[in-house]
Amino acid sequence: MRQITSLKTQKIIIVAAGALASLFSLEAASRALGGYEIEMFTAIAFYGYLFLIIWQIFVFDLHLKTSSLARFEETLLQSLKRRFRYMANFHHFLHFLNYLILPTIIYAFTAVILYLNPFDQAVKRVFILGAALALAISFWYLKTVFLAHAEANKPSKQLIFLAKLYGSFVGFAAAFGFVRHFGYGAEVFVLLVFSISVLLFYQALFQHHSTSARIIKIPILAGAILGAVAYYVFAYWNVNYFSGALVLTAVYNTIWGIVHHKLIDKNLTREMVYEYLAVLFVILVIVLGSTNFAQRI
């Protein structure tokens, strides 16, 4: 039996369809906000996300093979039946949920940022394009893993790390802005930051096959540290939630860099720790020096 299309072509089509669907749904949701149509915004954002879930469930690891185009429908139905049986297995379902973490954080929290900036076209356009690019990277890496895990080389892993770093920033910014917008307390922000951090760290460790009972404590510890930082960010930051989120992202990057070299690459040195801390220090100096703490809501 032969492939209907080459695996490379199939990969490009599937990734492009997922990324473009995200781009168009977020753009449509943004336009609905501009017209004061909150219910329409919610519906578009929800159905756009629902499409991504269905796309990942039924298409991402669907390898259609046929000896003739006349058997395409039969092959498709057989593949879908196998997919239902695959997802019914609890272990496989957990794997699927893990691969859903990053796209969910990027898409859902981008929608929140759009909601918080309904009439700021520049901000909305930047985050819509950023989400589409980050989701394209995420989908490309996911499809690479499904097709041939060995092909997930160092450059592709570096790209997916950048997508996760962007996802952490979007998540922290949206959580901070959401809490400030609706007048919630510090405990809600700390809980949101803790949850986002734990999910991202767990997903990253899962990606590197490092989810043993001993290592699984790392996401909780990292989440606790970021939650503590979030408490002080909430106490001192006010209007500019983007700069506050940047501080949290810098801390996230520092912790993950140290964890990665210690547990995965197993080459952590004191000099590396100093380098990560130095980068964190520079970012903090720039953010603190450029933030107007006198602004109040």
Protein backbone atom coordinates (compact mmCIF):
# COMPACT_ATOMS: atom_id res chain seq x y z
CA MET A 1 0.00 0.00 0.00
CA ARG A 2 1.25 3.47 -0.79
CA GLN A 3 0.88 6.80 0.96
CA ILE A 4 -1.86 9.09 -0.35
CA THR A 5 0.69 11.89 0.03
CA SER A 6 4.28 11.88 1.18
CA LEU A 7 4.78 12.11 4.93
CA LYS A 8 6.53 15.45 4.53
CA THR A 9 3.66 16.90 2.48
CA GLN A 10 1.13 15.49 4.93
CA LYS A 11 3.05 17.07 7.79
CA ILE A 12 3.13 20.50 6.12
CA ILE A 13 -0.59 20.40 5.29
CA ILE A 14 -1.69 19.30 8.76
CA VAL A 15 0.50 21.81 10.60
CA ALA A 16 -0.47 24.66 8.25
CA ALA A 17 -4.17 23.87 8.63
CA GLY A 18 -3.94 23.90 12.43
CA ALA A 19 -1.93 27.13 12.54
CA LEU A 20 -4.14 28.93 10.01
CA ALA A 21 -7.31 27.81 11.82
CA SER A 22 -5.89 29.31 15.03
CA LEU A 23 -4.92 32.52 13.24
CA PHE A 24 -8.32 32.98 11.59
CA SER A 25 -10.34 32.08 14.70
CA LEU A 26 -8.37 34.50 16.91
CA GLU A 27 -8.60 37.23 14.26
CA ALA A 28 -12.36 36.70 13.95
CA ALA A 29 -12.71 36.76 17.73
CA SER A 30 -10.68 39.99 17.82
CA ARG A 31 -12.99 41.63 15.27
CA ALA A 32 -16.03 40.55 17.29
CA LEU A 33 -14.55 42.29 20.33
CA GLY A 34 -14.03 45.45 18.33
CA GLY A 35 -17.76 45.47 17.63
CA TYR A 36 -18.73 45.00 21.29
CA GLU A 37 -19.97 41.47 20.51
CA ILE A 38 -18.77 39.65 23.62
CA GLU A 39 -20.97 36.59 23.13
CA MET A 40 -19.78 36.25 19.54
CA PHE A 41 -16.15 36.59 20.72
CA THR A 42 -16.66 33.80 23.27
CA ALA A 43 -18.34 31.53 20.74
CA ILE A 44 -15.67 32.02 18.07
CA ALA A 45 -12.83 31.49 20.53
CA PHE A 46 -14.50 28.35 21.93
CA TYR A 47 -15.20 26.75 18.57
CA GLY A 48 -11.72 27.62 17.36
CA TYR A 49 -10.26 25.79 20.35
CA LEU A 50 -12.68 22.88 19.85
CA PHE A 51 -11.42 22.54 16.29
CA LEU A 52 -7.83 22.32 17.55
CA ILE A 53 -8.78 19.53 19.97
CA ILE A 54 -10.57 17.56 17.24
CA TRP A 55 -7.67 18.20 14.86
CA GLN A 56 -5.17 16.76 17.35
CA ILE A 57 -7.36 13.79 18.27
CA PHE A 58 -8.20 12.57 14.78
CA VAL A 59 -5.61 13.93 12.38
CA PHE A 60 -2.17 14.43 13.90
CA ASP A 61 -1.07 10.80 13.99
CA LEU A 62 -3.36 9.59 11.22
CA HIS A 63 -1.18 7.92 8.58
CA LEU A 64 -3.47 7.20 5.64
CA LYS A 65 -2.25 4.55 3.23
CA THR A 66 -4.15 3.22 0.25
CA SER A 67 -3.50 1.28 -2.92
CA SER A 68 -5.96 3.44 -4.82
CA LEU A 69 -8.00 6.58 -4.25
CA ALA A 70 -11.14 4.45 -4.42
CA ARG A 71 -10.22 2.93 -1.02
CA PHE A 72 -9.64 6.30 0.63
CA GLU A 73 -12.98 6.37 2.50
CA GLU A 74 -12.54 2.81 3.76
CA THR A 75 -9.01 3.56 5.00
CA LEU A 76 -10.19 6.75 6.70
CA LEU A 77 -12.97 4.95 8.58
CA GLN A 78 -10.61 2.19 9.70
CA SER A 79 -8.13 4.75 10.94
CA LEU A 80 -10.80 6.64 12.88
CA LYS A 81 -12.00 3.42 14.53
CA ARG A 82 -8.45 2.63 15.60
CA ARG A 83 -8.16 6.19 16.92
CA PHE A 84 -11.23 5.77 19.13
CA ARG A 85 -9.79 2.54 20.53
CA TYR A 86 -6.44 4.23 21.10
CA MET A 87 -7.97 7.15 22.99
CA ALA A 88 -10.06 4.77 25.14
CA ASN A 89 -6.83 3.57 26.73
CA PHE A 90 -6.26 5.70 29.85
CA HIS A 91 -2.46 5.74 29.41
CA HIS A 92 -2.81 6.96 25.83
CA PHE A 93 -5.41 9.52 26.89
CA LEU A 94 -2.96 10.96 29.43
CA HIS A 95 -0.35 11.26 26.68
CA PHE A 96 -2.87 13.16 24.56
CA LEU A 97 -3.67 15.53 27.44
CA ASN A 98 0.03 16.20 27.89
CA TYR A 99 0.46 17.17 24.24
CA LEU A 100 -2.59 19.41 24.59
CA ILE A 101 -1.08 21.50 27.42
CA LEU A 102 1.05 23.90 25.38
CA PRO A 103 -1.49 24.60 22.58
CA THR A 104 -4.18 25.16 25.22
CA ILE A 105 -2.08 27.64 27.18
CA ILE A 106 -1.07 29.56 24.05
CA TYR A 107 -4.55 29.69 22.51
CA ALA A 108 -6.68 30.19 25.61
CA PHE A 109 -4.52 32.86 27.23
CA THR A 110 -4.12 34.70 23.93
CA ALA A 111 -7.92 34.91 23.84
CA VAL A 112 -7.84 36.36 27.37
CA ILE A 113 -5.32 39.02 26.31
CA LEU A 114 -7.57 39.93 23.37
CA TYR A 115 -10.45 40.32 25.81
CA LEU A 116 -8.37 42.59 28.04
CA ASN A 117 -7.35 44.78 25.07
CA PRO A 118 -10.51 44.91 22.91
CA PHE A 119 -9.63 48.13 21.07
CA ASP A 120 -5.82 48.06 21.01
CA GLN A 121 -5.25 46.84 17.47
CA ALA A 122 -1.45 46.76 17.74
CA VAL A 123 -1.45 44.60 20.87
CA LYS A 124 -4.09 42.26 19.46
CA ARG A 125 -2.28 41.83 16.14
CA VAL A 126 1.06 41.09 17.81
CA PHE A 127 -0.41 38.44 20.09
CA ILE A 128 -2.52 36.86 17.35
CA LEU A 129 0.52 36.49 15.08
CA GLY A 130 2.65 35.34 18.01
CA ALA A 131 0.08 32.69 18.93
CA ALA A 132 -0.17 31.43 15.35
CA LEU A 133 3.63 31.12 15.08
CA ALA A 134 4.00 29.45 18.49
CA LEU A 135 1.17 27.02 17.68
CA ALA A 136 2.73 26.22 14.31
CA ILE A 137 6.00 25.33 16.08
CA SER A 138 4.10 23.27 18.63
CA PHE A 139 2.13 21.42 15.94
CA TRP A 140 5.27 20.83 13.85
CA TYR A 141 7.11 19.34 16.81
CA LEU A 142 4.08 17.23 17.74
CA LYS A 143 3.74 15.88 14.22
CA THR A 144 7.49 15.16 14.13
CA VAL A 145 7.17 13.11 17.32
CA PHE A 146 4.22 11.16 15.91
CA LEU A 147 5.92 10.43 12.59
CA ALA A 148 9.39 9.55 13.89
CA HIS A 149 10.47 10.46 17.41
CA ALA A 150 14.15 10.15 16.48
CA GLU A 151 13.77 13.07 14.04
CA ALA A 152 13.02 15.44 16.94
CA ASN A 153 16.59 16.75 16.85
CA LYS A 154 18.21 19.53 18.84
CA PRO A 155 17.06 22.46 16.60
CA SER A 156 13.42 21.33 16.77
CA LYS A 157 13.68 20.96 20.56
CA GLN A 158 15.14 24.45 20.80
CA LEU A 159 12.22 25.81 18.78
CA ILE A 160 9.65 24.07 20.97
CA PHE A 161 11.41 25.53 24.01
CA LEU A 162 10.97 29.01 22.54
CA ALA A 163 7.28 28.24 21.99
CA LYS A 164 7.01 27.18 25.65
CA LEU A 165 8.81 30.32 26.77
CA TYR A 166 6.34 32.38 24.76
CA GLY A 167 3.48 30.33 26.20
CA SER A 168 4.69 31.04 29.72
CA PHE A 169 4.78 34.79 29.02
CA VAL A 170 1.29 34.79 27.47
CA GLY A 171 -0.05 32.71 30.35
CA PHE A 172 1.47 34.87 33.09
CA ALA A 173 0.45 38.12 31.34
CA ALA A 174 -3.13 36.97 30.78
CA ALA A 175 -3.43 35.68 34.35
CA PHE A 176 -2.06 38.94 35.79
CA GLY A 177 -4.26 41.10 33.59
CA PHE A 178 -7.32 38.96 34.31
CA VAL A 179 -6.83 39.19 38.07
CA ARG A 180 -6.27 42.96 37.95
CA HIS A 181 -9.20 43.52 35.58
CA PHE A 182 -11.74 41.69 37.74
CA GLY A 183 -10.29 42.82 41.08
CA TYR A 184 -9.29 39.44 42.48
CA GLY A 185 -6.70 39.08 45.22
CA ALA A 186 -3.11 37.91 45.21
CA GLU A 187 -4.10 34.34 46.09
CA VAL A 188 -5.90 33.91 42.75
CA PHE A 189 -2.88 35.18 40.81
CA VAL A 190 -0.51 32.95 42.80
CA LEU A 191 -2.74 29.92 42.12
CA LEU A 192 -2.89 30.67 38.39
CA VAL A 193 0.89 31.14 38.13
CA PHE A 194 1.49 27.96 40.13
CA SER A 195 -0.87 25.97 37.87
CA ILE A 196 0.61 27.31 34.62
CA SER A 197 4.16 26.65 35.84
CA VAL A 198 3.44 23.09 36.99
CA LEU A 199 1.76 22.24 33.68
CA LEU A 200 4.58 23.69 31.56
CA PHE A 201 7.31 22.01 33.63
CA TYR A 202 5.52 18.68 33.59
CA GLN A 203 4.97 18.90 29.83
CA ALA A 204 8.65 19.72 29.29
CA LEU A 205 9.81 16.83 31.49
CA PHE A 206 7.37 14.49 29.73
CA GLN A 207 8.82 15.57 26.40
CA HIS A 208 12.25 14.45 27.61
CA HIS A 209 10.89 11.21 29.15
CA SER A 210 11.73 12.42 32.65
CA THR A 211 8.55 11.85 34.66
CA SER A 212 9.63 9.38 37.34
CA ALA A 213 8.17 9.59 40.85
CA ARG A 214 11.31 11.36 42.07
CA ILE A 215 11.50 13.91 39.26
CA ILE A 216 7.78 14.65 39.29
CA LYS A 217 8.39 16.75 42.40
CA ILE A 218 10.31 19.26 40.26
CA PRO A 219 7.23 20.85 38.60
CA ILE A 220 5.60 21.34 42.02
CA LEU A 221 8.75 22.93 43.46
CA ALA A 222 9.18 25.15 40.40
CA GLY A 223 5.52 26.14 40.59
CA ALA A 224 5.91 27.02 44.28
CA ILE A 225 8.92 29.25 43.55
CA LEU A 226 7.13 31.03 40.72
CA GLY A 227 4.02 31.34 42.88
CA ALA A 228 6.10 33.07 45.57
CA VAL A 229 7.56 35.45 42.97
CA ALA A 230 4.04 36.07 41.67
CA TYR A 231 2.95 37.18 45.14
CA TYR A 232 5.57 39.95 45.20
CA VAL A 233 4.88 40.88 41.57
CA PHE A 234 1.22 41.30 42.47
CA ALA A 235 2.12 43.43 45.47
CA TYR A 236 4.35 45.89 43.57
CA TRP A 237 3.05 45.85 39.99
CA ASN A 238 -0.11 47.66 38.99
CA VAL A 239 -1.20 48.69 35.49
CA ASN A 240 1.56 47.18 33.32
CA TYR A 241 0.92 43.46 33.65
CA PHE A 242 3.12 42.70 30.63
CA SER A 243 6.31 43.76 32.42
CA GLY A 244 5.23 41.83 35.51
CA ALA A 245 4.75 38.74 33.36
CA LEU A 246 8.21 39.28 31.85
CA VAL A 247 9.75 39.00 35.32
CA LEU A 248 7.95 35.70 35.92
CA THR A 249 9.02 34.42 32.49
CA ALA A 250 12.65 35.28 33.25
CA VAL A 251 12.45 33.34 36.52
CA TYR A 252 10.77 30.45 34.68
CA ASN A 253 13.58 30.41 32.11
CA THR A 254 16.24 30.40 34.83
CA ILE A 255 14.69 27.52 36.76
CA TRP A 256 14.06 25.45 33.65
CA GLY A 257 17.58 26.05 32.32
CA ILE A 258 19.12 24.77 35.55
CA VAL A 259 16.74 21.80 35.72
CA HIS A 260 17.38 20.91 32.08
CA HIS A 261 21.15 20.85 32.46
CA LYS A 262 20.95 19.02 35.79
CA LEU A 263 18.40 16.29 35.03
CA ILE A 264 18.30 15.94 31.25
CA ASP A 265 21.66 16.93 29.77
CA LYS A 266 23.41 16.06 33.06
CA ASN A 267 26.14 18.63 32.46
CA LEU A 268 25.27 21.37 34.95
CA THR A 269 28.24 23.34 36.22
CA ARG A 270 28.58 26.23 38.64
CA GLU A 271 29.46 28.51 35.73
CA MET A 272 26.15 27.65 34.00
CA VAL A 273 24.22 28.54 37.13
CA TYR A 274 26.03 31.86 37.31
CA GLU A 275 25.24 32.54 33.64
CA TYR A 276 21.51 31.90 34.11
CA LEU A 277 21.45 34.07 37.23
CA ALA A 278 23.35 36.83 35.41
CA VAL A 279 20.80 36.83 32.57
CA LEU A 280 18.00 36.92 35.12
CA PHE A 281 19.66 39.86 36.88
CA VAL A 282 20.02 41.84 33.63
CA ILE A 283 16.37 41.27 32.71
CA LEU A 284 15.23 42.32 36.19
CA VAL A 285 17.32 45.50 36.05
CA ILE A 286 15.89 46.43 32.64
CA VAL A 287 12.29 45.69 33.64
CA LEU A 288 12.51 47.38 37.03
CA GLY A 289 14.25 50.41 35.55
CA SER A 290 11.63 50.87 32.80
CA THR A 291 8.47 50.25 34.87
CA ASN A 292 6.49 53.14 36.34
CA PHE A 293 5.43 51.85 39.75
CA ALA A 294 3.60 55.11 40.51
CA GLN A 295 0.83 54.23 38.04
CA ARG A 296 -2.39 53.13 39.68
CA ILE A 297 -5.61 51.70 38.34
